[in-house]
Amino acid sequence: MPYSEQRWSRTHVELLMDIAATLADLTASPTTCEQIPSYLSKVLDLECVTLAIVNDQGEARIDLQSSSCPVAAGDPEAFTRNLLAIYQQTRPLTTSDGPTLRGNDDAQEELGAMPVQHMAAYPRATVVARTLSAQHRMLLIVHHASQEPALVSGIADLLQLVADELGKLLSSMVAWRERLEDVGEPFERLTDREWVVLQGLMTEAGEKQLADQLGLSPHTLHSHIKSIYRKVEVQGRLPLLSKVQGEVRERRQSRLSGRRTSVAVSQTAIAVAVG
């Protein structure tokens, strides 16, 4: 819905711009993304928010999940299963995003709460889903206690716009993991196996743990790591990660720069709409 039709106040517009700027900083890496739910919970005055990125290549799995409250403290595995169940319910029927929630009985309610099993403290959730890539989908979830009312209209509208912006930022972060041919020098020289090892090196796993996860012997893993260092022209894991993060930032900036003209036009329209 256009800003002019929503009759947004200048305060609402300034809040949205502040959120967009902060999200741009927080989507710089998977680690900083973990701060997003707490930030949105605070700035939108929501009790509990979860951000999840689902990878649907083969069997669906969660690549990233973070919550602003301890919803997964009792049983993290059960919480992950609930996120995947939510994903299946909000999965688009076509390549476009489609409705926010599938099977919503109230056709007039664009953003409704859905039941969530096995979460006694938060039995309902409002879910906004956005497609990030052919394999990745973002879930932005607001958890509701049973006594809580549904989201008020203004917050629901703002949540949709926040999800739009967050989806664009996260799509840039995940894109480089999927398409090797788009990464550019020097990462395009890595073999498929070295690429898998590189992604493992970006986690907190030690080499022994990583070797077990990838089904490699420590000697074979070390050989792959040495080859990656040589091709990327770095010495050590920290310089490698720094170079990877620099490439991600450069790619994201390149993607976002293409939107500067449209953003400028939108900001002008907002200023006119709020007078």
C-alpha atoms as a PDB file:
ATOM      1  CA  MET A   1       0.000   0.000   0.000  1.00  0.00           C
ATOM      2  CA  PRO A   2       1.475   3.403  -0.941  1.00  0.00           C
ATOM      3  CA  TYR A   3       2.503   5.672   1.896  1.00  0.00           C
ATOM      4  CA  SER A   4      -0.007   8.324   0.804  1.00  0.00           C
ATOM      5  CA  GLU A   5      -2.890   5.822   1.136  1.00  0.00           C
ATOM      6  CA  GLN A   6      -1.710   4.824   4.601  1.00  0.00           C
ATOM      7  CA  ARG A   7      -1.699   8.466   5.737  1.00  0.00           C
ATOM      8  CA  TRP A   8       1.637   7.965   7.434  1.00  0.00           C
ATOM      9  CA  SER A   9       2.818  10.670   9.786  1.00  0.00           C
ATOM     10  CA  ARG A  10       6.286  12.146   9.584  1.00  0.00           C
ATOM     11  CA  THR A  11       7.127  10.258  12.796  1.00  0.00           C
ATOM     12  CA  HIS A  12       6.256   6.947  11.145  1.00  0.00           C
ATOM     13  CA  VAL A  13       8.340   7.766   8.090  1.00  0.00           C
ATOM     14  CA  GLU A  14      11.354   8.801  10.156  1.00  0.00           C
ATOM     15  CA  LEU A  15      11.043   5.598  12.207  1.00  0.00           C
ATOM     16  CA  LEU A  16      10.981   3.501   9.043  1.00  0.00           C
ATOM     17  CA  MET A  17      14.065   5.259   7.689  1.00  0.00           C
ATOM     18  CA  ASP A  18      15.907   4.752  10.979  1.00  0.00           C
ATOM     19  CA  ILE A  19      15.001   1.049  10.935  1.00  0.00           C
ATOM     20  CA  ALA A  20      16.191   0.685   7.334  1.00  0.00           C
ATOM     21  CA  ALA A  21      19.540   2.292   8.167  1.00  0.00           C
ATOM     22  CA  THR A  22      20.057   0.077  11.217  1.00  0.00           C
ATOM     23  CA  LEU A  23      19.106  -3.076   9.319  1.00  0.00           C
ATOM     24  CA  ALA A  24      21.674  -2.212   6.666  1.00  0.00           C
ATOM     25  CA  ASP A  25      24.335  -2.323   9.396  1.00  0.00           C
ATOM     26  CA  LEU A  26      23.005  -5.459  11.077  1.00  0.00           C
ATOM     27  CA  THR A  27      22.891  -7.493   7.843  1.00  0.00           C
ATOM     28  CA  ALA A  28      26.619  -7.112   7.237  1.00  0.00           C
ATOM     29  CA  SER A  29      27.285 -10.700   8.390  1.00  0.00           C
ATOM     30  CA  PRO A  30      25.455 -13.749   9.801  1.00  0.00           C
ATOM     31  CA  THR A  31      26.786 -12.875  13.259  1.00  0.00           C
ATOM     32  CA  THR A  32      25.368  -9.353  13.268  1.00  0.00           C
ATOM     33  CA  CYS A  33      22.075 -10.683  11.853  1.00  0.00           C
ATOM     34  CA  GLU A  34      21.522 -12.400  15.194  1.00  0.00           C
ATOM     35  CA  GLN A  35      20.946  -8.955  16.730  1.00  0.00           C
ATOM     36  CA  ILE A  36      18.017  -8.141  14.422  1.00  0.00           C
ATOM     37  CA  PRO A  37      15.186  -9.751  16.459  1.00  0.00           C
ATOM     38  CA  SER A  38      16.199  -7.935  19.658  1.00  0.00           C
ATOM     39  CA  TYR A  39      16.455  -4.643  17.779  1.00  0.00           C
ATOM     40  CA  LEU A  40      13.043  -5.017  16.112  1.00  0.00           C
ATOM     41  CA  SER A  41      11.470  -6.179  19.365  1.00  0.00           C
ATOM     42  CA  LYS A  42      12.664  -3.019  21.076  1.00  0.00           C
ATOM     43  CA  VAL A  43      11.954  -0.476  18.353  1.00  0.00           C
ATOM     44  CA  LEU A  44       8.500  -1.905  17.474  1.00  0.00           C
ATOM     45  CA  ASP A  45       7.600  -2.685  21.117  1.00  0.00           C
ATOM     46  CA  LEU A  46       7.036  -6.397  20.451  1.00  0.00           C
ATOM     47  CA  GLU A  47       7.521  -8.964  23.186  1.00  0.00           C
ATOM     48  CA  CYS A  48       9.169 -11.711  21.142  1.00  0.00           C
ATOM     49  CA  VAL A  49      10.526 -11.728  17.581  1.00  0.00           C
ATOM     50  CA  THR A  50      12.306 -14.511  15.674  1.00  0.00           C
ATOM     51  CA  LEU A  51      14.276 -14.242  12.445  1.00  0.00           C
ATOM     52  CA  ALA A  52      14.936 -17.427  10.470  1.00  0.00           C
ATOM     53  CA  ILE A  53      16.489 -18.137   7.080  1.00  0.00           C
ATOM     54  CA  VAL A  54      15.364 -21.467   5.628  1.00  0.00           C
ATOM     55  CA  ASN A  55      17.429 -23.308   3.022  1.00  0.00           C
ATOM     56  CA  ASP A  56      15.160 -25.477   0.876  1.00  0.00           C
ATOM     57  CA  GLN A  57      17.826 -27.193  -1.209  1.00  0.00           C
ATOM     58  CA  GLY A  58      16.825 -30.839  -0.892  1.00  0.00           C
ATOM     59  CA  GLU A  59      15.534 -31.281   2.647  1.00  0.00           C
ATOM     60  CA  ALA A  60      14.578 -27.960   4.216  1.00  0.00           C
ATOM     61  CA  ARG A  61      16.879 -26.799   7.014  1.00  0.00           C
ATOM     62  CA  ILE A  62      17.444 -23.646   9.051  1.00  0.00           C
ATOM     63  CA  ASP A  63      20.594 -21.762   8.042  1.00  0.00           C
ATOM     64  CA  LEU A  64      20.114 -18.961  10.567  1.00  0.00           C
ATOM     65  CA  GLN A  65      17.770 -18.473  13.503  1.00  0.00           C
ATOM     66  CA  SER A  66      17.732 -15.935  16.297  1.00  0.00           C
ATOM     67  CA  SER A  67      15.079 -14.784  18.755  1.00  0.00           C
ATOM     68  CA  SER A  68      14.659 -11.801  21.045  1.00  0.00           C
ATOM     69  CA  CYS A  69      13.363 -14.021  23.867  1.00  0.00           C
ATOM     70  CA  PRO A  70      14.241 -17.525  25.110  1.00  0.00           C
ATOM     71  CA  VAL A  71      11.582 -19.359  23.072  1.00  0.00           C
ATOM     72  CA  ALA A  72      14.043 -22.150  22.219  1.00  0.00           C
ATOM     73  CA  ALA A  73      15.609 -22.463  25.678  1.00  0.00           C
ATOM     74  CA  GLY A  74      13.636 -25.530  26.748  1.00  0.00           C
ATOM     75  CA  ASP A  75      14.144 -27.652  23.630  1.00  0.00           C
ATOM     76  CA  PRO A  76      16.081 -26.052  20.741  1.00  0.00           C
ATOM     77  CA  GLU A  77      15.422 -29.021  18.443  1.00  0.00           C
ATOM     78  CA  ALA A  78      11.667 -28.773  19.006  1.00  0.00           C
ATOM     79  CA  PHE A  79      11.812 -25.037  18.283  1.00  0.00           C
ATOM     80  CA  THR A  80      13.651 -25.696  15.021  1.00  0.00           C
ATOM     81  CA  ARG A  81      10.975 -28.228  14.061  1.00  0.00           C
ATOM     82  CA  ASN A  82       8.332 -25.587  14.776  1.00  0.00           C
ATOM     83  CA  LEU A  83      10.135 -23.095  12.543  1.00  0.00           C
ATOM     84  CA  LEU A  84      10.211 -25.643   9.732  1.00  0.00           C
ATOM     85  CA  ALA A  85       6.495 -26.336  10.272  1.00  0.00           C
ATOM     86  CA  ILE A  86       5.804 -22.597  10.032  1.00  0.00           C
ATOM     87  CA  TYR A  87       7.904 -22.508   6.875  1.00  0.00           C
ATOM     88  CA  GLN A  88       5.811 -25.260   5.272  1.00  0.00           C
ATOM     89  CA  GLN A  89       2.603 -23.357   6.097  1.00  0.00           C
ATOM     90  CA  THR A  90       3.910 -20.096   4.649  1.00  0.00           C
ATOM     91  CA  ARG A  91       5.722 -21.633   1.685  1.00  0.00           C
ATOM     92  CA  PRO A  92       4.616 -19.924  -1.554  1.00  0.00           C
ATOM     93  CA  LEU A  93       2.516 -21.927  -3.987  1.00  0.00           C
ATOM     94  CA  THR A  94       4.248 -20.177  -6.903  1.00  0.00           C
ATOM     95  CA  THR A  95       7.584 -18.458  -7.505  1.00  0.00           C
ATOM     96  CA  SER A  96       6.092 -15.185  -6.228  1.00  0.00           C
ATOM     97  CA  ASP A  97       5.599 -14.534  -2.527  1.00  0.00           C
ATOM     98  CA  GLY A  98       1.861 -14.944  -2.670  1.00  0.00           C
ATOM     99  CA  PRO A  99      -0.229 -14.354   0.470  1.00  0.00           C
ATOM    100  CA  THR A 100       1.504 -13.818   3.776  1.00  0.00           C
ATOM    101  CA  LEU A 101      -0.256 -16.818   5.296  1.00  0.00           C
ATOM    102  CA  ARG A 102      -1.778 -19.738   3.419  1.00  0.00           C
ATOM    103  CA  GLY A 103      -5.191 -20.910   4.546  1.00  0.00           C
ATOM    104  CA  ASN A 104      -6.104 -17.607   6.224  1.00  0.00           C
ATOM    105  CA  ASP A 105      -9.873 -17.810   6.787  1.00  0.00           C
ATOM    106  CA  ASP A 106     -10.373 -14.066   7.065  1.00  0.00           C
ATOM    107  CA  ALA A 107      -9.907 -12.683   3.562  1.00  0.00           C
ATOM    108  CA  GLN A 108     -10.003  -9.145   4.930  1.00  0.00           C
ATOM    109  CA  GLU A 109      -7.112  -9.753   7.327  1.00  0.00           C
ATOM    110  CA  GLU A 110      -3.887  -9.586   5.351  1.00  0.00           C
ATOM    111  CA  LEU A 111      -1.656 -10.333   8.342  1.00  0.00           C
ATOM    112  CA  GLY A 112      -3.142 -12.812  10.806  1.00  0.00           C
ATOM    113  CA  ALA A 113      -1.874 -14.972  13.649  1.00  0.00           C
ATOM    114  CA  MET A 114      -1.421 -18.708  13.119  1.00  0.00           C
ATOM    115  CA  PRO A 115      -1.348 -21.477  15.735  1.00  0.00           C
ATOM    116  CA  VAL A 116       2.042 -22.881  16.759  1.00  0.00           C
ATOM    117  CA  GLN A 117       2.286 -26.306  18.336  1.00  0.00           C
ATOM    118  CA  HIS A 118       4.391 -27.235  21.379  1.00  0.00           C
ATOM    119  CA  MET A 119       5.012 -23.639  22.489  1.00  0.00           C
ATOM    120  CA  ALA A 120       2.836 -23.178  25.548  1.00  0.00           C
ATOM    121  CA  ALA A 121       4.089 -19.676  26.322  1.00  0.00           C
ATOM    122  CA  TYR A 122       3.579 -18.455  22.735  1.00  0.00           C
ATOM    123  CA  PRO A 123       0.818 -20.530  21.115  1.00  0.00           C
ATOM    124  CA  ARG A 124       0.245 -18.115  18.218  1.00  0.00           C
ATOM    125  CA  ALA A 125       2.511 -16.308  15.778  1.00  0.00           C
ATOM    126  CA  THR A 126       2.257 -13.612  13.133  1.00  0.00           C
ATOM    127  CA  VAL A 127       4.533 -14.538  10.249  1.00  0.00           C
ATOM    128  CA  VAL A 128       5.856 -12.442   7.390  1.00  0.00           C
ATOM    129  CA  ALA A 129       7.785 -14.476   4.817  1.00  0.00           C
ATOM    130  CA  ARG A 130       9.948 -13.190   1.994  1.00  0.00           C
ATOM    131  CA  THR A 131      11.812 -15.045  -0.767  1.00  0.00           C
ATOM    132  CA  LEU A 132      15.559 -14.345  -0.691  1.00  0.00           C
ATOM    133  CA  SER A 133      16.688 -16.604  -3.523  1.00  0.00           C
ATOM    134  CA  ALA A 134      15.775 -19.797  -5.335  1.00  0.00           C
ATOM    135  CA  GLN A 135      16.845 -21.740  -2.239  1.00  0.00           C
ATOM    136  CA  HIS A 136      16.436 -19.365   0.695  1.00  0.00           C
ATOM    137  CA  ARG A 137      13.365 -17.885   2.364  1.00  0.00           C
ATOM    138  CA  MET A 138      13.165 -15.500   5.279  1.00  0.00           C
ATOM    139  CA  LEU A 139      10.670 -15.837   8.125  1.00  0.00           C
ATOM    140  CA  LEU A 140      10.080 -12.831  10.374  1.00  0.00           C
ATOM    141  CA  ILE A 141       7.937 -14.109  13.243  1.00  0.00           C
ATOM    142  CA  VAL A 142       6.180 -12.229  16.042  1.00  0.00           C
ATOM    143  CA  HIS A 143       5.291 -14.668  18.834  1.00  0.00           C
ATOM    144  CA  HIS A 144       2.066 -14.039  20.781  1.00  0.00           C
ATOM    145  CA  ALA A 145       1.117 -15.078  24.278  1.00  0.00           C
ATOM    146  CA  SER A 146      -2.448 -16.398  24.448  1.00  0.00           C
ATOM    147  CA  GLN A 147      -3.776 -13.247  26.119  1.00  0.00           C
ATOM    148  CA  GLU A 148      -2.175 -10.874  23.620  1.00  0.00           C
ATOM    149  CA  PRO A 149      -4.351  -9.080  21.043  1.00  0.00           C
ATOM    150  CA  ALA A 150      -3.489  -9.272  17.357  1.00  0.00           C
ATOM    151  CA  LEU A 151      -1.077  -6.704  15.967  1.00  0.00           C
ATOM    152  CA  VAL A 152      -2.598  -3.275  15.607  1.00  0.00           C
ATOM    153  CA  SER A 153      -2.957  -2.055  12.035  1.00  0.00           C
ATOM    154  CA  GLY A 154      -0.099   0.444  12.124  1.00  0.00           C
ATOM    155  CA  ILE A 155       2.426  -2.080  13.460  1.00  0.00           C
ATOM    156  CA  ALA A 156       1.228  -4.743  11.002  1.00  0.00           C
ATOM    157  CA  ASP A 157       1.748  -2.367   8.066  1.00  0.00           C
ATOM    158  CA  LEU A 158       5.158  -1.318   9.371  1.00  0.00           C
ATOM    159  CA  LEU A 159       6.155  -4.952   9.855  1.00  0.00           C
ATOM    160  CA  GLN A 160       5.403  -5.659   6.195  1.00  0.00           C
ATOM    161  CA  LEU A 161       7.582  -2.757   5.067  1.00  0.00           C
ATOM    162  CA  VAL A 162      10.374  -3.770   7.439  1.00  0.00           C
ATOM    163  CA  ALA A 163      10.212  -7.309   6.024  1.00  0.00           C
ATOM    164  CA  ASP A 164      10.481  -5.928   2.479  1.00  0.00           C
ATOM    165  CA  GLU A 165      13.653  -4.010   3.338  1.00  0.00           C
ATOM    166  CA  LEU A 166      15.140  -6.825   5.412  1.00  0.00           C
ATOM    167  CA  GLY A 167      14.474  -9.313   2.622  1.00  0.00           C
ATOM    168  CA  LYS A 168      16.356  -7.165   0.103  1.00  0.00           C
ATOM    169  CA  LEU A 169      19.340  -6.831   2.440  1.00  0.00           C
ATOM    170  CA  LEU A 170      19.468 -10.524   3.341  1.00  0.00           C
ATOM    171  CA  SER A 171      19.133 -11.596  -0.286  1.00  0.00           C
ATOM    172  CA  SER A 172      22.447  -9.894  -0.990  1.00  0.00           C
ATOM    173  CA  MET A 173      24.064 -11.710   1.933  1.00  0.00           C
ATOM    174  CA  VAL A 174      22.961 -15.187   0.862  1.00  0.00           C
ATOM    175  CA  ALA A 175      23.344 -14.780  -2.914  1.00  0.00           C
ATOM    176  CA  TRP A 176      27.105 -15.228  -3.009  1.00  0.00           C
ATOM    177  CA  ARG A 177      26.811 -18.627  -1.284  1.00  0.00           C
ATOM    178  CA  GLU A 178      24.722 -20.031  -4.127  1.00  0.00           C
ATOM    179  CA  ARG A 179      26.224 -18.837  -7.386  1.00  0.00           C
ATOM    180  CA  LEU A 180      29.950 -19.394  -7.595  1.00  0.00           C
ATOM    181  CA  GLU A 181      30.126 -17.858 -11.039  1.00  0.00           C
ATOM    182  CA  ASP A 182      28.950 -14.518  -9.582  1.00  0.00           C
ATOM    183  CA  VAL A 183      31.466 -14.317  -6.771  1.00  0.00           C
ATOM    184  CA  GLY A 184      34.422 -13.166  -8.841  1.00  0.00           C
ATOM    185  CA  GLU A 185      38.135 -13.224  -8.157  1.00  0.00           C
ATOM    186  CA  PRO A 186      39.704 -14.897  -6.297  1.00  0.00           C
ATOM    187  CA  PHE A 187      36.915 -17.130  -4.980  1.00  0.00           C
ATOM    188  CA  GLU A 188      35.802 -18.355  -8.394  1.00  0.00           C
ATOM    189  CA  ARG A 189      38.988 -20.445  -8.557  1.00  0.00           C
ATOM    190  CA  LEU A 190      37.851 -22.650  -5.681  1.00  0.00           C
ATOM    191  CA  THR A 191      36.628 -26.170  -6.412  1.00  0.00           C
ATOM    192  CA  ASP A 192      33.171 -27.288  -5.248  1.00  0.00           C
ATOM    193  CA  ARG A 193      34.739 -29.148  -2.311  1.00  0.00           C
ATOM    194  CA  GLU A 194      36.881 -26.148  -1.360  1.00  0.00           C
ATOM    195  CA  TRP A 195      33.768 -23.989  -1.465  1.00  0.00           C
ATOM    196  CA  VAL A 196      32.058 -26.301   1.051  1.00  0.00           C
ATOM    197  CA  VAL A 197      35.168 -26.156   3.247  1.00  0.00           C
ATOM    198  CA  LEU A 198      35.194 -22.352   3.004  1.00  0.00           C
ATOM    199  CA  GLN A 199      31.603 -22.166   4.217  1.00  0.00           C
ATOM    200  CA  GLY A 200      32.563 -24.448   7.110  1.00  0.00           C
ATOM    201  CA  LEU A 201      35.469 -22.180   7.994  1.00  0.00           C
ATOM    202  CA  MET A 202      33.013 -19.300   8.331  1.00  0.00           C
ATOM    203  CA  THR A 203      31.401 -21.037  11.310  1.00  0.00           C
ATOM    204  CA  GLU A 204      32.851 -21.355  14.812  1.00  0.00           C
ATOM    205  CA  ALA A 205      33.738 -25.042  14.298  1.00  0.00           C
ATOM    206  CA  GLY A 206      37.333 -26.073  14.927  1.00  0.00           C
ATOM    207  CA  GLU A 207      39.197 -28.069  12.293  1.00  0.00           C
ATOM    208  CA  LYS A 208      38.595 -31.420  14.009  1.00  0.00           C
ATOM    209  CA  GLN A 209      34.871 -30.717  14.369  1.00  0.00           C
ATOM    210  CA  LEU A 210      34.697 -29.440  10.782  1.00  0.00           C
ATOM    211  CA  ALA A 211      36.453 -32.554   9.476  1.00  0.00           C
ATOM    212  CA  ASP A 212      33.853 -34.719  11.243  1.00  0.00           C
ATOM    213  CA  GLN A 213      30.988 -32.611   9.890  1.00  0.00           C
ATOM    214  CA  LEU A 214      32.265 -32.870   6.300  1.00  0.00           C
ATOM    215  CA  GLY A 215      33.269 -36.525   6.530  1.00  0.00           C
ATOM    216  CA  LEU A 216      36.927 -35.758   5.787  1.00  0.00           C
ATOM    217  CA  SER A 217      40.118 -36.887   7.435  1.00  0.00           C
ATOM    218  CA  PRO A 218      42.035 -34.119   9.258  1.00  0.00           C
ATOM    219  CA  HIS A 219      44.837 -34.457   6.686  1.00  0.00           C
ATOM    220  CA  THR A 220      42.447 -34.037   3.722  1.00  0.00           C
ATOM    221  CA  LEU A 221      40.713 -31.074   5.352  1.00  0.00           C
ATOM    222  CA  HIS A 222      44.072 -29.409   6.041  1.00  0.00           C
ATOM    223  CA  SER A 223      45.064 -29.903   2.386  1.00  0.00           C
ATOM    224  CA  HIS A 224      41.837 -28.193   1.242  1.00  0.00           C
ATOM    225  CA  ILE A 225      42.416 -25.312   3.646  1.00  0.00           C
ATOM    226  CA  LYS A 226      45.981 -24.793   2.421  1.00  0.00           C
ATOM    227  CA  SER A 227      44.717 -24.774  -1.175  1.00  0.00           C
ATOM    228  CA  ILE A 228      42.058 -22.183  -0.286  1.00  0.00           C
ATOM    229  CA  TYR A 229      44.661 -19.962   1.385  1.00  0.00           C
ATOM    230  CA  ARG A 230      46.877 -20.196  -1.670  1.00  0.00           C
ATOM    231  CA  LYS A 231      44.131 -19.390  -4.177  1.00  0.00           C
ATOM    232  CA  VAL A 232      42.666 -16.550  -2.125  1.00  0.00           C
ATOM    233  CA  GLU A 233      46.180 -15.285  -1.316  1.00  0.00           C
ATOM    234  CA  VAL A 234      45.858 -15.125   2.458  1.00  0.00           C
ATOM    235  CA  GLN A 235      47.713 -16.687   5.366  1.00  0.00           C
ATOM    236  CA  GLY A 236      45.392 -17.888   8.095  1.00  0.00           C
ATOM    237  CA  ARG A 237      41.715 -18.222   8.914  1.00  0.00           C
ATOM    238  CA  LEU A 238      41.104 -14.703  10.198  1.00  0.00           C
ATOM    239  CA  PRO A 239      42.524 -12.987   7.073  1.00  0.00           C
ATOM    240  CA  LEU A 240      40.433 -15.390   4.969  1.00  0.00           C
ATOM    241  CA  LEU A 241      37.230 -14.516   6.830  1.00  0.00           C
ATOM    242  CA  SER A 242      38.055 -10.830   6.567  1.00  0.00           C
ATOM    243  CA  LYS A 243      38.428 -11.146   2.801  1.00  0.00           C
ATOM    244  CA  VAL A 244      35.163 -13.069   2.532  1.00  0.00           C
ATOM    245  CA  GLN A 245      33.314 -10.424   4.559  1.00  0.00           C
ATOM    246  CA  GLY A 246      34.812  -7.695   2.379  1.00  0.00           C
ATOM    247  CA  GLU A 247      33.542  -9.449  -0.738  1.00  0.00           C
ATOM    248  CA  VAL A 248      30.070  -9.805   0.789  1.00  0.00           C
ATOM    249  CA  ARG A 249      30.008  -6.082   1.651  1.00  0.00           C
ATOM    250  CA  GLU A 250      31.148  -5.135  -1.864  1.00  0.00           C
ATOM    251  CA  ARG A 251      28.524  -7.319  -3.519  1.00  0.00           C
ATOM    252  CA  ARG A 252      25.800  -5.996  -1.254  1.00  0.00           C
ATOM    253  CA  GLN A 253      26.796  -2.395  -1.974  1.00  0.00           C
ATOM    254  CA  SER A 254      26.765  -3.117  -5.689  1.00  0.00           C
ATOM    255  CA  ARG A 255      23.275  -4.613  -5.469  1.00  0.00           C
ATOM    256  CA  LEU A 256      21.934  -1.803  -3.307  1.00  0.00           C
ATOM    257  CA  SER A 257      23.456   0.944  -5.458  1.00  0.00           C
ATOM    258  CA  GLY A 258      21.127  -0.074  -8.263  1.00  0.00           C
ATOM    259  CA  ARG A 259      18.224   0.875  -6.015  1.00  0.00           C
ATOM    260  CA  ARG A 260      19.458   4.352  -5.110  1.00  0.00           C
ATOM    261  CA  THR A 261      17.421   6.119  -7.783  1.00  0.00           C
ATOM    262  CA  SER A 262      14.188   4.340  -6.842  1.00  0.00           C
ATOM    263  CA  VAL A 263      14.848   4.964  -3.142  1.00  0.00           C
ATOM    264  CA  ALA A 264      15.385   8.671  -3.795  1.00  0.00           C
ATOM    265  CA  VAL A 265      12.103   8.828  -5.687  1.00  0.00           C
ATOM    266  CA  SER A 266      10.339   6.971  -2.857  1.00  0.00           C
ATOM    267  CA  GLN A 267      11.735   9.340  -0.238  1.00  0.00           C
ATOM    268  CA  THR A 268      10.505  12.322  -2.245  1.00  0.00           C
ATOM    269  CA  ALA A 269       7.068  10.734  -2.467  1.00  0.00           C
ATOM    270  CA  ILE A 270       7.069  10.135   1.284  1.00  0.00           C
ATOM    271  CA  ALA A 271       8.000  13.740   2.020  1.00  0.00           C
ATOM    272  CA  VAL A 272       5.132  14.938  -0.211  1.00  0.00           C
ATOM    273  CA  ALA A 273       2.694  12.476   1.360  1.00  0.00           C
ATOM    274  CA  VAL A 274       3.377  13.556   4.930  1.00  0.00           C
ATOM    275  CA  GLY A 275       3.536  17.223   4.048  1.00  0.00           C
END
